[in-house]
Amino acid sequence: MAERMTKKATILFPPALYKEIEDEARLQGRSVGELVREAAMIRYGAGGESARIEAVERLVSLNDEVGDPEQLEEEIIRGAIDP
């Protein structure tokens, strides 16, 4: 079930940017509000930039040893040949 929207924001755009958003909304058959909400969710919502950065930081902190690229390629090929 979609989360109920209870908060409202008034956003001012430069005319040229608003026209681009409006044109894109028309092309997609969506409202300007839908596009702006989608952009906000991508940037700040669940799965947004902060979540991606956190995921990358967790990956970087792993202490798993990996071989050099040639060794990894050999392991991949071996795994494909002998599953």
Protein backbone atom coordinates (compact mmCIF):
# COMPACT_ATOMS: atom_id res chain seq x y z
CA MET A 1 0.00 0.00 0.00
CA ALA A 2 1.35 3.44 -0.92
CA GLU A 3 2.22 5.79 1.87
CA ARG A 4 -0.40 8.48 2.43
CA MET A 5 0.85 11.92 1.44
CA THR A 6 0.17 14.47 4.18
CA LYS A 7 2.94 17.04 3.71
CA LYS A 8 2.95 19.79 1.12
CA ALA A 9 5.80 21.92 -0.24
CA THR A 10 5.73 24.98 -2.44
CA ILE A 11 8.69 25.01 -4.81
CA LEU A 12 9.74 27.84 -7.09
CA PHE A 13 11.52 26.94 -10.34
CA PRO A 14 13.18 29.11 -12.96
CA PRO A 15 10.75 29.28 -15.92
CA ALA A 16 13.02 27.32 -18.29
CA LEU A 17 13.46 24.45 -15.83
CA TYR A 18 9.74 24.33 -15.07
CA LYS A 19 8.99 24.16 -18.80
CA GLU A 20 11.37 21.20 -19.17
CA ILE A 21 9.71 19.40 -16.26
CA GLU A 22 6.25 20.23 -17.60
CA ASP A 23 7.17 18.99 -21.10
CA GLU A 24 8.60 15.75 -19.69
CA ALA A 25 5.49 15.22 -17.55
CA ARG A 26 3.30 15.68 -20.61
CA LEU A 27 5.41 13.21 -22.62
CA GLN A 28 5.12 10.61 -19.86
CA GLY A 29 1.43 11.27 -19.24
CA ARG A 30 2.17 12.22 -15.64
CA SER A 31 1.82 15.30 -13.49
CA VAL A 32 4.64 17.69 -12.62
CA GLY A 33 4.09 16.74 -8.98
CA GLU A 34 4.64 13.05 -9.75
CA LEU A 35 7.95 13.79 -11.47
CA VAL A 36 9.15 16.03 -8.64
CA ARG A 37 8.16 13.44 -6.00
CA GLU A 38 9.95 10.71 -7.96
CA ALA A 39 13.11 12.84 -8.21
CA ALA A 40 12.98 13.57 -4.47
CA MET A 41 12.57 9.86 -3.66
CA ILE A 42 15.49 8.94 -5.90
CA ARG A 43 17.71 11.58 -4.30
CA TYR A 44 16.57 11.47 -0.66
CA GLY A 45 14.13 8.59 -0.14
CA ALA A 46 14.62 4.93 0.57
CA GLY A 47 17.20 3.68 -1.86
CA GLY A 48 18.33 7.24 -2.55
CA GLU A 49 21.85 8.57 -2.74
CA SER A 50 22.50 8.37 1.02
CA ALA A 51 21.49 4.68 1.06
CA ARG A 52 23.75 3.98 -1.93
CA ILE A 53 26.69 5.76 -0.30
CA GLU A 54 26.14 3.78 2.90
CA ALA A 55 26.05 0.52 0.93
CA VAL A 56 29.31 1.38 -0.83
CA GLU A 57 30.94 2.26 2.50
CA ARG A 58 29.86 -1.12 3.91
CA LEU A 59 31.32 -2.90 0.88
CA VAL A 60 34.59 -0.99 1.17
CA SER A 61 34.88 -1.91 4.84
CA LEU A 62 34.71 -5.66 4.11
CA ASN A 63 37.95 -7.46 4.82
CA ASP A 64 37.52 -10.19 2.24
CA GLU A 65 40.68 -10.97 0.34
CA VAL A 66 40.37 -10.99 -3.42
CA GLY A 67 42.94 -11.84 -6.00
CA ASP A 68 44.21 -9.72 -8.80
CA PRO A 69 41.96 -9.22 -11.87
CA GLU A 70 43.60 -12.05 -13.84
CA GLN A 71 43.10 -14.49 -10.97
CA LEU A 72 39.45 -13.44 -10.60
CA GLU A 73 38.87 -13.90 -14.33
CA GLU A 74 40.33 -17.42 -14.15
CA GLU A 75 38.02 -18.27 -11.24
CA ILE A 76 35.00 -16.95 -13.13
CA ILE A 77 35.88 -18.96 -16.23
CA ARG A 78 36.53 -22.08 -14.14
CA GLY A 79 33.15 -21.64 -12.44
CA ALA A 80 31.40 -21.27 -15.79
CA ILE A 81 33.06 -24.42 -17.16
CA ASP A 82 32.69 -26.56 -13.99
CA PRO A 83 29.51 -25.32 -12.27
